[in-house]
Every structure is written in structure tokens, then in C-alpha cells.
Amino acid sequence: MFPLCDYTERMPTAVKTSRVRRQPGRPLPPLKRAPKIEAPSSLRTVRGLQILELAPLKKIPWLVHGFSTRTGGASTLPSGERVLNLGFTAWDTREAVQKNRQALQAALGADDLTLVPLKQFHSAVIRYFEASPVEPCRGDAALTNQPGLLLAVQTADCVPIVLVDPKKRAVAAIHAGWRGTLARITEKTLGQMRMCFGSKPSDVIAAVGPSIGGCCYEVGIELVTKFTSQFPDAQEWFDELRTGDEPNPLQWLNMMPPGHQPPPRNVRLDLRKANRAQLLSSGLAGKNIYLSDLCTSCHTDLLFSYRKEADRSGRLMAVAGIKSS
């Protein structure tokens, strides 16, 4: 279906042979399965951190890119787990977050680049950086063609997208929640790349990183109306919460027999599919869109999920930059 999306395990799994004590009559807890990661993605371990990378992007000599995971880091959750939290959350200290950001840059070999994070607010505001800003700018997407800058967006369920134009030496990083997706932030960022750098969509490579999947992202039914009023194929991005007895998903929308039953209160939204549709409609070739199917809510052993962990969640970071040399 998509060029990237089933994941094959790349990291070794430690198996403890010691006996597990349990109370009589109480079943053992289910074992968590490590997420599978398949080429062209890879999970690289550097200095105790694990970073998701894309093979086609690693072939570009001037590019730095990566999607962080929660593994390692200087932050300590209330549970005692040490994690790589890259956002300023209430439970963490600024000192720990700064150490984590420095550790991520070191793992990427980007110590000499200036990290350029955004003050995200679920918008369609796009920032073009010609130099490092004095203070973080408000926005949810950033683009540059200047060496020495490492663009960054933070997520804990929303969709992180890295865009790379190998011919124009330009990059972009996008944070797309449902509000940004509805406002066409991905489509608009590509438009800005065309305007600022002369990028041709057919040359651009897109890496869509881990986010909450259509399997877990439950939203109110009002979003169906919002999206279908803006996108002709939006009905394909939703899945009705069903018992299994209904003949068709979302059949209540057309109000044709047997669709006269009242609509459900909630549905599931596939944000990755929605943003892929925007990439295609903007002119990207399907072969140049690499879509991760790692669900943040399903894999909280590797990733952060605000939906699953609430205030105990940290923040992941997707980065893209141009080497100084």
C-alpha cells in the first residue's frame, strides 16, 4: 500500500530466565512485543539512544534527519523510568530536557548545528528560517535552505513529517495534528517550498514519522463533517466504531437504507492517511512518500503518547537540517 510501513525488529531482545512470582490464581501479565521495523527504515542505537532513520534520506550527504524515541535520556518519570523527553513538560526539569536535546544532536552527529524548535499551537503557521532565531517562534512547520540549522517539531501523538528537496538542498519539518491537517499545513508547507526555493514536488521526499494510528485515534463525530466539507476523499480517513454487525462503515452519512440508524458518537481518524493524501495532491510521487505505521499509543515502550499517558507523557522530536560543511 505504502512504500514504508511494516516494521521488522532490528534490536536484540533480552530474555530473563528467572522465575516470576505471582499470587495463586492470578494470570501472568501479557508480554509486550517489540515493534517491528522494516527497511527502508532502521532503528539505530547511539550512546543509549534509539533513533529512527530512513535509508533514502541517509544517502543524501548534506542532510541530517531523524525521529527520536523515548529510550535513554536524562529525564526520570515518576515511575522511575529514564526517558529521552525533548519537550518542556510539567513533570520534567529544563536542565534534563536541555541535556536530552544535546544528547540527541550528538547522536545525530549534529553538535555543530543550531537546534530550531517551534512554539507549537496546532496551527497552519509556517516559518522560513534564514538564520537562527533569537527566541523560539510560534508555528507548526519550519523550512530552510541554510546550512547549520536543525529544524525540529515535537509530537506525542500528532504526525511529524520531514520534507527534503535533494536538488534544491532544502528541508522542512511539520507538526500535523487534526487542526493542522484540517488547515492543510502539509499542503501549504510544500507550497512555501515551491515559492521560497523553487522546489518541484516531484523531487521532494517525504518521511512521515510515528504517530497515533487509525487503530487508536478516537475523535468526535463532528470532525467527520469538518473534514468531508474540505476534502473529497476524507470519508476514507475515518472508521466507525462498530460491533462488527454493521454492513458498511460510516453508512449513516449517506442516509440510504439501511443507513437510517443514528450516527455513532465517536469515530477513529487516520491522520497519517490524511496527510499522505495532501502530499499526493500537492504533486509528490507515491514512491517518494515513506509512511511509518508505528502507532504511538500502541508502543509506549518505545514512543510517547499523550492520549495513552496524559500528563506523564514526554515529547518526541523529528528533526531535519543541512550540515554546516
Protein backbone atom coordinates (compact mmCIF):
# COMPACT_ATOMS: atom_id res chain seq x y z
CA MET A 1 0.00 0.00 0.00
CA PHE A 2 2.71 2.45 1.05
CA PRO A 3 6.47 2.26 0.40
CA LEU A 4 7.27 2.18 4.16
CA CYS A 5 5.22 0.68 6.77
CA ASP A 6 5.70 -2.77 8.19
CA TYR A 7 8.48 -2.79 10.73
CA THR A 8 10.99 -5.60 11.30
CA GLU A 9 12.79 -5.95 14.59
CA ARG A 10 16.35 -4.68 14.44
CA MET A 11 17.27 -4.53 18.13
CA PRO A 12 18.15 -7.57 20.25
CA THR A 13 15.59 -8.72 22.78
CA ALA A 14 16.80 -9.66 26.25
CA VAL A 15 15.00 -12.66 27.74
CA LYS A 16 15.03 -13.11 31.50
CA THR A 17 15.09 -16.71 32.62
CA SER A 18 14.36 -16.03 36.30
CA ARG A 19 11.02 -17.11 37.66
CA VAL A 20 8.24 -14.57 38.02
CA ARG A 21 6.48 -14.64 41.37
CA ARG A 22 2.73 -14.28 41.24
CA GLN A 23 -0.21 -14.81 43.53
CA PRO A 24 -2.05 -18.13 43.16
CA GLY A 25 -4.90 -17.93 40.67
CA ARG A 26 -3.70 -14.64 39.15
CA PRO A 27 -2.57 -14.85 35.49
CA LEU A 28 0.79 -13.51 34.39
CA PRO A 29 0.71 -10.10 32.67
CA PRO A 30 0.89 -10.26 28.87
CA LEU A 31 4.33 -9.77 27.36
CA LYS A 32 4.88 -6.66 25.26
CA ARG A 33 6.02 -7.30 21.73
CA ALA A 34 8.80 -5.10 20.42
CA PRO A 35 7.64 -3.10 17.40
CA LYS A 36 8.83 -4.42 14.07
CA ILE A 37 10.88 -2.14 11.87
CA GLU A 38 11.39 -2.90 8.22
CA ALA A 39 13.61 -1.37 5.55
CA PRO A 40 13.94 1.29 4.35
CA SER A 41 13.55 2.40 7.99
CA SER A 42 16.05 1.45 10.65
CA LEU A 43 16.33 1.89 14.40
CA ARG A 44 19.88 2.97 15.24
CA THR A 45 21.24 2.83 18.77
CA VAL A 46 23.79 5.51 19.66
CA ARG A 47 25.03 6.25 23.18
CA GLY A 48 21.98 4.62 24.72
CA LEU A 49 19.51 6.45 22.47
CA GLN A 50 17.45 4.85 19.71
CA ILE A 51 16.74 6.92 16.60
CA LEU A 52 14.52 6.06 13.64
CA GLU A 53 16.08 6.91 10.29
CA LEU A 54 15.15 6.44 6.64
CA ALA A 55 17.65 4.82 4.26
CA PRO A 56 16.85 7.01 1.20
CA LEU A 57 17.48 10.12 3.30
CA LYS A 58 20.72 8.75 4.77
CA LYS A 59 22.11 8.61 1.23
CA ILE A 60 21.93 12.42 0.96
CA PRO A 61 25.40 13.56 2.15
CA TRP A 62 24.44 17.06 3.32
CA LEU A 63 21.32 16.02 5.25
CA VAL A 64 20.78 15.38 8.96
CA HIS A 65 17.48 13.78 9.92
CA GLY A 66 15.88 11.52 12.48
CA PHE A 67 12.85 10.67 14.62
CA SER A 68 13.57 10.28 18.32
CA THR A 69 12.20 7.58 20.64
CA ARG A 70 11.78 7.59 24.42
CA THR A 71 14.77 5.29 25.05
CA GLY A 72 17.55 6.58 27.32
CA GLY A 73 17.93 10.21 28.24
CA ALA A 74 18.40 12.27 31.40
CA SER A 75 14.72 12.61 32.37
CA THR A 76 13.11 10.50 35.07
CA LEU A 77 9.39 9.76 35.08
CA PRO A 78 7.52 9.48 38.39
CA SER A 79 7.63 5.70 37.80
CA GLY A 80 11.44 5.83 37.85
CA GLU A 81 11.87 5.16 34.11
CA ARG A 82 14.69 7.08 32.44
CA VAL A 83 13.49 8.60 29.18
CA LEU A 84 14.52 10.95 26.39
CA ASN A 85 11.95 13.70 26.90
CA LEU A 86 12.59 16.53 24.44
CA GLY A 87 9.77 18.89 25.44
CA PHE A 88 9.30 21.18 28.44
CA THR A 89 6.66 19.29 30.40
CA ALA A 90 5.35 19.92 33.93
CA TRP A 91 6.93 16.77 35.39
CA ASP A 92 10.42 17.34 33.95
CA THR A 93 13.16 19.91 34.55
CA ARG A 94 14.51 22.31 31.95
CA GLU A 95 18.03 21.10 32.71
CA ALA A 96 17.12 17.49 31.88
CA VAL A 97 15.35 18.50 28.64
CA GLN A 98 18.35 20.56 27.54
CA LYS A 99 20.66 17.60 28.24
CA ASN A 100 18.35 15.36 26.21
CA ARG A 101 18.38 17.75 23.27
CA GLN A 102 22.17 17.93 23.37
CA ALA A 103 22.33 14.13 23.53
CA LEU A 104 20.05 13.82 20.50
CA GLN A 105 22.21 16.21 18.48
CA ALA A 106 25.35 14.32 19.49
CA ALA A 107 23.78 11.01 18.46
CA LEU A 108 22.90 12.51 15.08
CA GLY A 109 26.39 13.97 14.62
CA ALA A 110 24.82 17.43 14.60
CA ASP A 111 26.62 19.07 17.53
CA ASP A 112 27.67 21.98 15.32
CA LEU A 113 24.12 22.70 14.12
CA THR A 114 21.76 25.09 15.90
CA LEU A 115 18.55 23.40 17.03
CA VAL A 116 15.50 25.42 15.92
CA PRO A 117 12.37 24.23 17.78
CA LEU A 118 8.99 25.94 17.48
CA LYS A 119 6.35 27.11 19.93
CA GLN A 120 3.63 24.87 18.51
CA PHE A 121 -0.05 25.69 18.87
CA HIS A 122 -1.86 23.40 16.40
CA SER A 123 -1.96 25.94 13.60
CA ALA A 124 -1.08 26.19 9.92
CA VAL A 125 1.61 28.81 10.58
CA ILE A 126 4.82 28.10 8.65
CA ARG A 127 8.19 29.71 9.45
CA TYR A 128 11.02 30.25 6.98
CA PHE A 129 14.42 30.49 8.66
CA GLU A 130 17.40 32.15 7.03
CA ALA A 131 19.29 32.26 10.34
CA SER A 132 18.88 31.03 13.88
CA PRO A 133 16.14 32.98 15.70
CA VAL A 134 16.87 34.79 18.96
CA GLU A 135 13.82 33.18 20.57
CA PRO A 136 11.60 30.27 19.53
CA CYS A 137 8.92 31.33 17.02
CA ARG A 138 5.27 30.37 17.16
CA GLY A 139 4.33 27.97 14.38
CA ASP A 140 3.80 24.33 13.44
CA ALA A 141 6.06 24.00 10.40
CA ALA A 142 9.50 25.28 9.52
CA LEU A 143 11.62 25.32 6.37
CA THR A 144 15.13 26.37 5.43
CA ASN A 145 17.87 26.03 2.83
CA GLN A 146 20.58 27.39 5.10
CA PRO A 147 23.41 25.17 6.42
CA GLY A 148 23.88 24.99 10.17
CA LEU A 149 20.20 24.88 11.18
CA LEU A 150 18.45 21.81 12.58
CA LEU A 151 14.68 22.24 12.29
CA ALA A 152 12.63 20.42 14.93
CA VAL A 153 8.99 19.67 15.72
CA GLN A 154 7.71 17.95 18.86
CA THR A 155 4.98 15.32 18.98
CA ALA A 156 3.36 12.89 21.39
CA ASP A 157 0.65 11.54 19.03
CA CYS A 158 0.43 14.12 16.24
CA VAL A 159 2.04 13.43 12.87
CA PRO A 160 5.67 14.52 12.35
CA ILE A 161 6.66 14.99 8.72
CA VAL A 162 10.11 15.69 7.27
CA LEU A 163 10.31 17.02 3.70
CA VAL A 164 13.58 17.03 1.76
CA ASP A 165 14.35 18.51 -1.66
CA PRO A 166 17.64 16.86 -2.70
CA LYS A 167 18.05 19.10 -5.76
CA LYS A 168 17.47 22.48 -4.08
CA ARG A 169 19.10 21.47 -0.78
CA ALA A 170 16.06 22.47 1.25
CA VAL A 171 14.27 20.85 4.17
CA ALA A 172 11.07 21.27 6.15
CA ALA A 173 9.67 19.85 9.39
CA ILE A 174 5.91 19.72 10.04
CA HIS A 175 3.76 19.09 13.12
CA ALA A 176 0.30 17.99 11.96
CA GLY A 177 -2.45 17.36 14.49
CA TRP A 178 -6.09 17.23 13.40
CA ARG A 179 -6.35 21.03 13.40
CA GLY A 180 -3.22 21.47 11.31
CA THR A 181 -4.27 18.67 8.99
CA LEU A 182 -7.70 20.25 8.54
CA ALA A 183 -5.97 23.57 7.78
CA ARG A 184 -3.80 21.82 5.12
CA ILE A 185 -0.48 22.54 6.83
CA THR A 186 1.33 19.84 4.83
CA GLU A 187 0.00 21.12 1.53
CA LYS A 188 0.81 24.73 2.47
CA THR A 189 4.36 23.86 3.53
CA LEU A 190 5.01 22.32 0.13
CA GLY A 191 3.61 25.47 -1.42
CA GLN A 192 6.08 27.53 0.61
CA MET A 193 8.95 25.32 -0.55
CA ARG A 194 7.94 25.95 -4.14
CA MET A 195 7.75 29.69 -3.56
CA CYS A 196 10.92 30.09 -1.46
CA PHE A 197 13.24 27.57 -3.09
CA GLY A 198 11.70 26.75 -6.45
CA SER A 199 11.16 23.16 -5.33
CA LYS A 200 9.38 20.78 -7.67
CA PRO A 201 7.02 18.47 -5.74
CA SER A 202 8.12 15.53 -7.91
CA ASP A 203 11.65 15.94 -6.48
CA VAL A 204 10.63 16.13 -2.83
CA ILE A 205 10.97 13.14 -0.49
CA ALA A 206 8.59 12.89 2.48
CA ALA A 207 9.15 10.87 5.66
CA VAL A 208 6.03 10.59 7.83
CA GLY A 209 7.12 9.52 11.30
CA PRO A 210 5.46 7.63 14.15
CA SER A 211 2.11 9.00 15.34
CA ILE A 212 -1.14 7.75 16.77
CA GLY A 213 -2.76 5.41 14.26
CA GLY A 214 -6.26 4.98 12.97
CA CYS A 215 -6.41 1.99 15.30
CA CYS A 216 -6.40 4.22 18.39
CA TYR A 217 -7.23 7.83 17.49
CA GLU A 218 -10.83 8.21 18.61
CA VAL A 219 -12.43 11.59 17.85
CA GLY A 220 -15.85 13.18 17.98
CA ILE A 221 -18.25 12.66 15.09
CA GLU A 222 -18.24 16.40 14.37
CA LEU A 223 -14.79 16.04 12.80
CA VAL A 224 -16.26 13.91 10.02
CA THR A 225 -18.33 16.89 8.89
CA LYS A 226 -15.37 19.26 9.20
CA PHE A 227 -13.10 17.07 7.07
CA THR A 228 -15.62 15.92 4.47
CA SER A 229 -16.56 19.54 3.82
CA GLN A 230 -12.91 20.29 2.95
CA PHE A 231 -11.58 17.10 1.32
CA PRO A 232 -13.40 14.97 -1.26
CA ASP A 233 -11.79 11.72 -0.09
CA ALA A 234 -11.98 12.43 3.65
CA GLN A 235 -14.56 9.71 4.28
CA GLU A 236 -11.78 7.17 3.63
CA TRP A 237 -9.81 8.52 6.61
CA PHE A 238 -12.47 7.62 9.17
CA ASP A 239 -13.55 4.30 10.59
CA GLU A 240 -16.76 3.97 12.54
CA LEU A 241 -16.54 2.35 15.96
CA ARG A 242 -18.53 -0.79 15.16
CA THR A 243 -19.64 -4.03 16.74
CA GLY A 244 -18.92 -5.98 13.56
CA ASP A 245 -22.57 -6.46 12.62
CA GLU A 246 -22.91 -3.32 10.50
CA PRO A 247 -22.63 -3.90 6.71
CA ASN A 248 -20.73 -0.71 5.85
CA PRO A 249 -18.54 1.77 7.73
CA LEU A 250 -19.92 5.31 8.02
CA GLN A 251 -23.12 4.17 6.27
CA TRP A 252 -25.16 6.70 8.24
CA LEU A 253 -23.54 9.54 6.25
CA ASN A 254 -25.49 8.84 3.05
CA MET A 255 -28.75 8.16 4.92
CA MET A 256 -29.66 5.43 2.47
CA PRO A 257 -31.22 2.15 3.66
CA PRO A 258 -30.16 0.57 5.90
CA GLY A 259 -28.38 3.75 6.96
CA HIS A 260 -31.18 5.38 8.91
CA GLN A 261 -29.78 4.46 12.30
CA PRO A 262 -28.43 7.38 14.39
CA PRO A 263 -24.75 8.16 13.87
CA PRO A 264 -22.18 6.98 16.42
CA ARG A 265 -20.83 9.46 18.94
CA ASN A 266 -17.19 8.74 18.11
CA VAL A 267 -15.14 7.52 15.16
CA ARG A 268 -11.47 6.80 14.51
CA LEU A 269 -9.40 9.14 12.35
CA ASP A 270 -6.27 8.14 10.43
CA LEU A 271 -4.18 11.32 10.38
CA ARG A 272 -1.31 9.67 8.54
CA LYS A 273 -3.58 8.72 5.66
CA ALA A 274 -4.97 12.26 5.58
CA ASN A 275 -1.52 13.84 5.35
CA ARG A 276 -0.39 11.35 2.73
CA ALA A 277 -3.38 12.42 0.66
CA GLN A 278 -2.23 16.04 0.96
CA LEU A 279 1.27 15.08 -0.16
CA LEU A 280 -0.11 13.28 -3.21
CA SER A 281 -2.47 16.12 -4.10
CA SER A 282 0.48 18.52 -3.90
CA GLY A 283 2.34 16.58 -6.58
CA LEU A 284 4.61 14.21 -4.66
CA ALA A 285 5.20 10.83 -6.24
CA GLY A 286 3.82 7.94 -4.23
CA LYS A 287 7.23 6.24 -4.34
CA ASN A 288 8.74 9.26 -2.56
CA ILE A 289 6.37 9.11 0.42
CA TYR A 290 7.56 6.89 3.26
CA LEU A 291 4.91 6.33 5.87
CA SER A 292 5.61 4.82 9.28
CA ASP A 293 2.88 2.66 10.74
CA LEU A 294 4.30 2.77 14.28
CA CYS A 295 1.40 3.83 16.49
CA THR A 296 2.48 5.91 19.48
CA SER A 297 -0.48 4.69 21.53
CA CYS A 298 0.27 1.02 20.79
CA HIS A 299 4.01 1.27 21.50
CA THR A 300 4.51 3.32 24.65
CA ASP A 301 7.51 1.11 25.41
CA LEU A 302 9.31 2.89 22.55
CA LEU A 303 7.36 6.13 21.98
CA PHE A 304 5.41 8.76 23.91
CA SER A 305 1.63 9.04 23.65
CA TYR A 306 -0.32 11.84 25.29
CA ARG A 307 -3.58 10.01 24.59
CA LYS A 308 -2.28 6.96 26.47
CA GLU A 309 -0.13 8.57 29.16
CA ALA A 310 -1.74 12.01 29.64
CA ASP A 311 0.38 14.30 31.84
CA ARG A 312 3.02 11.58 32.29
CA SER A 313 3.88 11.72 28.59
CA GLY A 314 7.09 13.22 27.28
CA ARG A 315 7.69 14.63 23.80
CA LEU A 316 9.32 13.09 20.75
CA MET A 317 11.21 15.18 18.22
CA ALA A 318 11.53 14.96 14.45
CA VAL A 319 14.49 16.86 13.03
CA ALA A 320 15.86 17.83 9.63
CA GLY A 321 18.82 20.04 8.85
CA ILE A 322 21.64 20.86 6.48
CA LYS A 323 25.21 20.16 7.57
CA SER A 324 27.47 23.15 8.13
CA SER A 325 30.15 21.71 5.85
